[in-house]
Amino acid sequence: MGRSRLPDAPDAPDAAQGAAPCERLRRRRDFEALTRGRAAARPVRHRLLTLRSRPNGLEQCRVGFAVGRPVGGAVVRNRVKRRLREIVRALPLAAGNDIVIAARPASRGASFEELHDALASCARRAGLAGQATGGGR
């Protein structure tokens, strides 16, 4: 008896599914550049999340996630982060931007679809929506 195997995931994104994937913002100074000081990005707020962005001069976008304790315990925060990462993977975002997505406490009980709609709305309002392609949702 063999083990059941899941199909292998593709190594690279298919050209028909949209632009190159966004890299992750990881360093504190990259986050602070978007949230503090005179060059801070103007926030786009939604009931579930806040999005900040600014041009980065690179050919790809970089995305960071901020999910603090008011959202919930570690399990809840990690679930929200996983959902947001998957949504960013599916959305066509304009290249050349640094983006920080901060989950608000209301995101704790939000469904995947509600988070998707909130992030898509914020991306449109911030002018980050890339070309619509066949990929994603």
C-alpha atoms as a PDB file:
ATOM      1  CA  MET A   1       0.000   0.000   0.000  1.00  0.00           C
ATOM      2  CA  GLY A   2       1.449   3.317  -1.081  1.00  0.00           C
ATOM      3  CA  ARG A   3       0.975   6.680   0.434  1.00  0.00           C
ATOM      4  CA  SER A   4      -1.285   9.125  -1.297  1.00  0.00           C
ATOM      5  CA  ARG A   5       0.628  12.015  -2.766  1.00  0.00           C
ATOM      6  CA  LEU A   6      -0.468  15.491  -3.576  1.00  0.00           C
ATOM      7  CA  PRO A   7       0.411  16.750  -7.032  1.00  0.00           C
ATOM      8  CA  ASP A   8       3.650  18.699  -7.182  1.00  0.00           C
ATOM      9  CA  ALA A   9       3.293  22.467  -7.135  1.00  0.00           C
ATOM     10  CA  PRO A  10       4.825  24.316 -10.061  1.00  0.00           C
ATOM     11  CA  ASP A  11       8.230  25.862  -9.339  1.00  0.00           C
ATOM     12  CA  ALA A  12       7.613  29.130 -11.170  1.00  0.00           C
ATOM     13  CA  PRO A  13       4.450  31.105 -11.742  1.00  0.00           C
ATOM     14  CA  ASP A  14       2.804  30.536 -15.081  1.00  0.00           C
ATOM     15  CA  ALA A  15       2.896  33.594 -17.332  1.00  0.00           C
ATOM     16  CA  ALA A  16      -0.872  33.324 -17.763  1.00  0.00           C
ATOM     17  CA  GLN A  17      -1.387  33.715 -14.013  1.00  0.00           C
ATOM     18  CA  GLY A  18      -0.034  37.243 -13.765  1.00  0.00           C
ATOM     19  CA  ALA A  19       3.090  39.101 -12.807  1.00  0.00           C
ATOM     20  CA  ALA A  20       6.056  37.778 -10.906  1.00  0.00           C
ATOM     21  CA  PRO A  21       5.324  37.052  -7.254  1.00  0.00           C
ATOM     22  CA  CYS A  22       5.946  39.731  -4.664  1.00  0.00           C
ATOM     23  CA  GLU A  23       8.877  39.355  -2.319  1.00  0.00           C
ATOM     24  CA  ARG A  24       8.471  39.706   1.436  1.00  0.00           C
ATOM     25  CA  LEU A  25       9.421  42.785   3.454  1.00  0.00           C
ATOM     26  CA  ARG A  26      11.221  41.459   6.509  1.00  0.00           C
ATOM     27  CA  ARG A  27      13.498  44.134   7.949  1.00  0.00           C
ATOM     28  CA  ARG A  28      12.290  46.580  10.571  1.00  0.00           C
ATOM     29  CA  ARG A  29      13.676  49.587   8.701  1.00  0.00           C
ATOM     30  CA  ASP A  30      11.676  48.657   5.588  1.00  0.00           C
ATOM     31  CA  PHE A  31       8.475  48.582   7.650  1.00  0.00           C
ATOM     32  CA  GLU A  32       9.326  51.838   9.398  1.00  0.00           C
ATOM     33  CA  ALA A  33      10.038  53.570   6.095  1.00  0.00           C
ATOM     34  CA  LEU A  34       6.390  53.028   5.201  1.00  0.00           C
ATOM     35  CA  THR A  35       4.915  53.934   8.560  1.00  0.00           C
ATOM     36  CA  ARG A  36       7.098  56.645  10.119  1.00  0.00           C
ATOM     37  CA  GLY A  37       8.719  59.928   9.242  1.00  0.00           C
ATOM     38  CA  ARG A  38       8.127  62.471   6.515  1.00  0.00           C
ATOM     39  CA  ALA A  39       8.234  59.911   3.717  1.00  0.00           C
ATOM     40  CA  ALA A  40       5.577  57.723   5.348  1.00  0.00           C
ATOM     41  CA  ALA A  41       2.991  56.331   2.991  1.00  0.00           C
ATOM     42  CA  ARG A  42      -0.605  57.501   3.301  1.00  0.00           C
ATOM     43  CA  PRO A  43      -2.759  54.678   4.678  1.00  0.00           C
ATOM     44  CA  VAL A  44      -5.751  53.212   2.876  1.00  0.00           C
ATOM     45  CA  ARG A  45      -8.080  51.958   5.585  1.00  0.00           C
ATOM     46  CA  HIS A  46     -10.754  49.309   5.579  1.00  0.00           C
ATOM     47  CA  ARG A  47     -12.713  47.811   8.448  1.00  0.00           C
ATOM     48  CA  LEU A  48     -10.532  44.665   8.291  1.00  0.00           C
ATOM     49  CA  LEU A  49      -7.099  46.010   7.376  1.00  0.00           C
ATOM     50  CA  THR A  50      -4.902  49.002   6.598  1.00  0.00           C
ATOM     51  CA  LEU A  51      -2.651  49.146   3.532  1.00  0.00           C
ATOM     52  CA  ARG A  52       0.331  51.469   3.080  1.00  0.00           C
ATOM     53  CA  SER A  53       2.451  51.621  -0.053  1.00  0.00           C
ATOM     54  CA  ARG A  54       5.113  53.653  -1.791  1.00  0.00           C
ATOM     55  CA  PRO A  55       7.333  53.182  -4.846  1.00  0.00           C
ATOM     56  CA  ASN A  56      10.507  51.201  -4.215  1.00  0.00           C
ATOM     57  CA  GLY A  57      12.420  51.662  -7.486  1.00  0.00           C
ATOM     58  CA  LEU A  58      12.634  47.898  -8.044  1.00  0.00           C
ATOM     59  CA  GLU A  59      11.088  45.715 -10.717  1.00  0.00           C
ATOM     60  CA  GLN A  60       8.991  43.699  -8.279  1.00  0.00           C
ATOM     61  CA  CYS A  61       6.719  44.534  -5.404  1.00  0.00           C
ATOM     62  CA  ARG A  62       7.656  43.729  -1.820  1.00  0.00           C
ATOM     63  CA  VAL A  63       4.947  42.994   0.743  1.00  0.00           C
ATOM     64  CA  GLY A  64       5.068  42.906   4.529  1.00  0.00           C
ATOM     65  CA  PHE A  65       2.385  41.814   6.972  1.00  0.00           C
ATOM     66  CA  ALA A  66       1.712  43.262  10.422  1.00  0.00           C
ATOM     67  CA  VAL A  67      -0.703  41.280  12.568  1.00  0.00           C
ATOM     68  CA  GLY A  68      -0.527  42.376  16.200  1.00  0.00           C
ATOM     69  CA  ARG A  69      -1.847  40.924  19.430  1.00  0.00           C
ATOM     70  CA  PRO A  70      -5.156  42.828  19.346  1.00  0.00           C
ATOM     71  CA  VAL A  71      -6.119  40.532  16.441  1.00  0.00           C
ATOM     72  CA  GLY A  72      -5.932  37.487  18.720  1.00  0.00           C
ATOM     73  CA  GLY A  73      -3.682  34.734  19.968  1.00  0.00           C
ATOM     74  CA  ALA A  74      -0.800  33.262  17.987  1.00  0.00           C
ATOM     75  CA  VAL A  75      -2.983  30.695  16.211  1.00  0.00           C
ATOM     76  CA  VAL A  76      -5.442  33.358  15.054  1.00  0.00           C
ATOM     77  CA  ARG A  77      -2.680  35.783  13.995  1.00  0.00           C
ATOM     78  CA  ASN A  78      -0.927  33.073  11.982  1.00  0.00           C
ATOM     79  CA  ARG A  79      -4.200  32.108  10.287  1.00  0.00           C
ATOM     80  CA  VAL A  80      -4.809  35.730   9.279  1.00  0.00           C
ATOM     81  CA  LYS A  81      -1.228  36.006   7.940  1.00  0.00           C
ATOM     82  CA  ARG A  82      -1.573  32.784   5.917  1.00  0.00           C
ATOM     83  CA  ARG A  83      -4.805  34.031   4.383  1.00  0.00           C
ATOM     84  CA  LEU A  84      -3.316  37.425   3.535  1.00  0.00           C
ATOM     85  CA  ARG A  85      -0.237  35.809   1.945  1.00  0.00           C
ATOM     86  CA  GLU A  86      -2.451  33.629  -0.233  1.00  0.00           C
ATOM     87  CA  ILE A  87      -4.594  36.604  -1.253  1.00  0.00           C
ATOM     88  CA  VAL A  88      -1.499  38.639  -2.201  1.00  0.00           C
ATOM     89  CA  ARG A  89      -0.284  35.665  -4.249  1.00  0.00           C
ATOM     90  CA  ALA A  90      -3.580  35.659  -6.180  1.00  0.00           C
ATOM     91  CA  LEU A  91      -4.031  39.418  -6.670  1.00  0.00           C
ATOM     92  CA  PRO A  92      -2.328  41.141  -9.604  1.00  0.00           C
ATOM     93  CA  LEU A  93      -0.405  43.918  -7.821  1.00  0.00           C
ATOM     94  CA  ALA A  94       1.536  46.620  -9.652  1.00  0.00           C
ATOM     95  CA  ALA A  95       5.296  46.047  -9.594  1.00  0.00           C
ATOM     96  CA  GLY A  96       7.713  48.562  -8.137  1.00  0.00           C
ATOM     97  CA  ASN A  97       6.050  49.163  -4.768  1.00  0.00           C
ATOM     98  CA  ASP A  98       6.671  48.367  -1.125  1.00  0.00           C
ATOM     99  CA  ILE A  99       3.412  47.435   0.595  1.00  0.00           C
ATOM    100  CA  VAL A 100       2.608  46.869   4.265  1.00  0.00           C
ATOM    101  CA  ILE A 101      -0.717  45.244   5.115  1.00  0.00           C
ATOM    102  CA  ALA A 102      -1.745  45.632   8.754  1.00  0.00           C
ATOM    103  CA  ALA A 103      -4.599  43.444   9.959  1.00  0.00           C
ATOM    104  CA  ARG A 104      -7.107  45.142  12.236  1.00  0.00           C
ATOM    105  CA  PRO A 105      -8.886  43.344  15.116  1.00  0.00           C
ATOM    106  CA  ALA A 106     -12.036  42.838  13.009  1.00  0.00           C
ATOM    107  CA  SER A 107     -10.018  40.557  10.680  1.00  0.00           C
ATOM    108  CA  ARG A 108     -10.034  37.905  13.417  1.00  0.00           C
ATOM    109  CA  GLY A 109     -13.505  36.652  12.474  1.00  0.00           C
ATOM    110  CA  ALA A 110     -13.411  37.501   8.767  1.00  0.00           C
ATOM    111  CA  SER A 111     -13.740  34.806   6.132  1.00  0.00           C
ATOM    112  CA  PHE A 112     -11.210  34.350   3.342  1.00  0.00           C
ATOM    113  CA  GLU A 113     -13.618  35.994   0.884  1.00  0.00           C
ATOM    114  CA  GLU A 114     -14.123  39.022   3.143  1.00  0.00           C
ATOM    115  CA  LEU A 115     -10.360  39.483   3.497  1.00  0.00           C
ATOM    116  CA  HIS A 116      -9.916  39.063  -0.263  1.00  0.00           C
ATOM    117  CA  ASP A 117     -12.545  41.698  -1.016  1.00  0.00           C
ATOM    118  CA  ALA A 118     -11.075  44.090   1.577  1.00  0.00           C
ATOM    119  CA  LEU A 119      -7.532  43.760   0.229  1.00  0.00           C
ATOM    120  CA  ALA A 120      -8.663  44.043  -3.399  1.00  0.00           C
ATOM    121  CA  SER A 121     -10.625  47.190  -2.518  1.00  0.00           C
ATOM    122  CA  CYS A 122      -7.661  48.762  -0.716  1.00  0.00           C
ATOM    123  CA  ALA A 123      -5.307  47.881  -3.588  1.00  0.00           C
ATOM    124  CA  ARG A 124      -7.657  49.540  -6.091  1.00  0.00           C
ATOM    125  CA  ARG A 125      -8.015  52.660  -3.938  1.00  0.00           C
ATOM    126  CA  ALA A 126      -4.223  52.869  -3.518  1.00  0.00           C
ATOM    127  CA  GLY A 127      -3.683  52.470  -7.270  1.00  0.00           C
ATOM    128  CA  LEU A 128      -1.886  49.138  -6.858  1.00  0.00           C
ATOM    129  CA  ALA A 129      -4.210  46.926  -8.877  1.00  0.00           C
ATOM    130  CA  GLY A 130      -2.174  45.507 -11.743  1.00  0.00           C
ATOM    131  CA  GLN A 131      -3.536  44.297 -15.056  1.00  0.00           C
ATOM    132  CA  ALA A 132      -6.430  41.876 -14.748  1.00  0.00           C
ATOM    133  CA  THR A 133      -5.313  38.426 -15.849  1.00  0.00           C
ATOM    134  CA  GLY A 134      -6.812  34.987 -15.973  1.00  0.00           C
ATOM    135  CA  GLY A 135      -5.100  33.959 -12.737  1.00  0.00           C
ATOM    136  CA  GLY A 136      -6.200  34.566  -9.188  1.00  0.00           C
ATOM    137  CA  ARG A 137      -9.760  34.760  -8.044  1.00  0.00           C
END
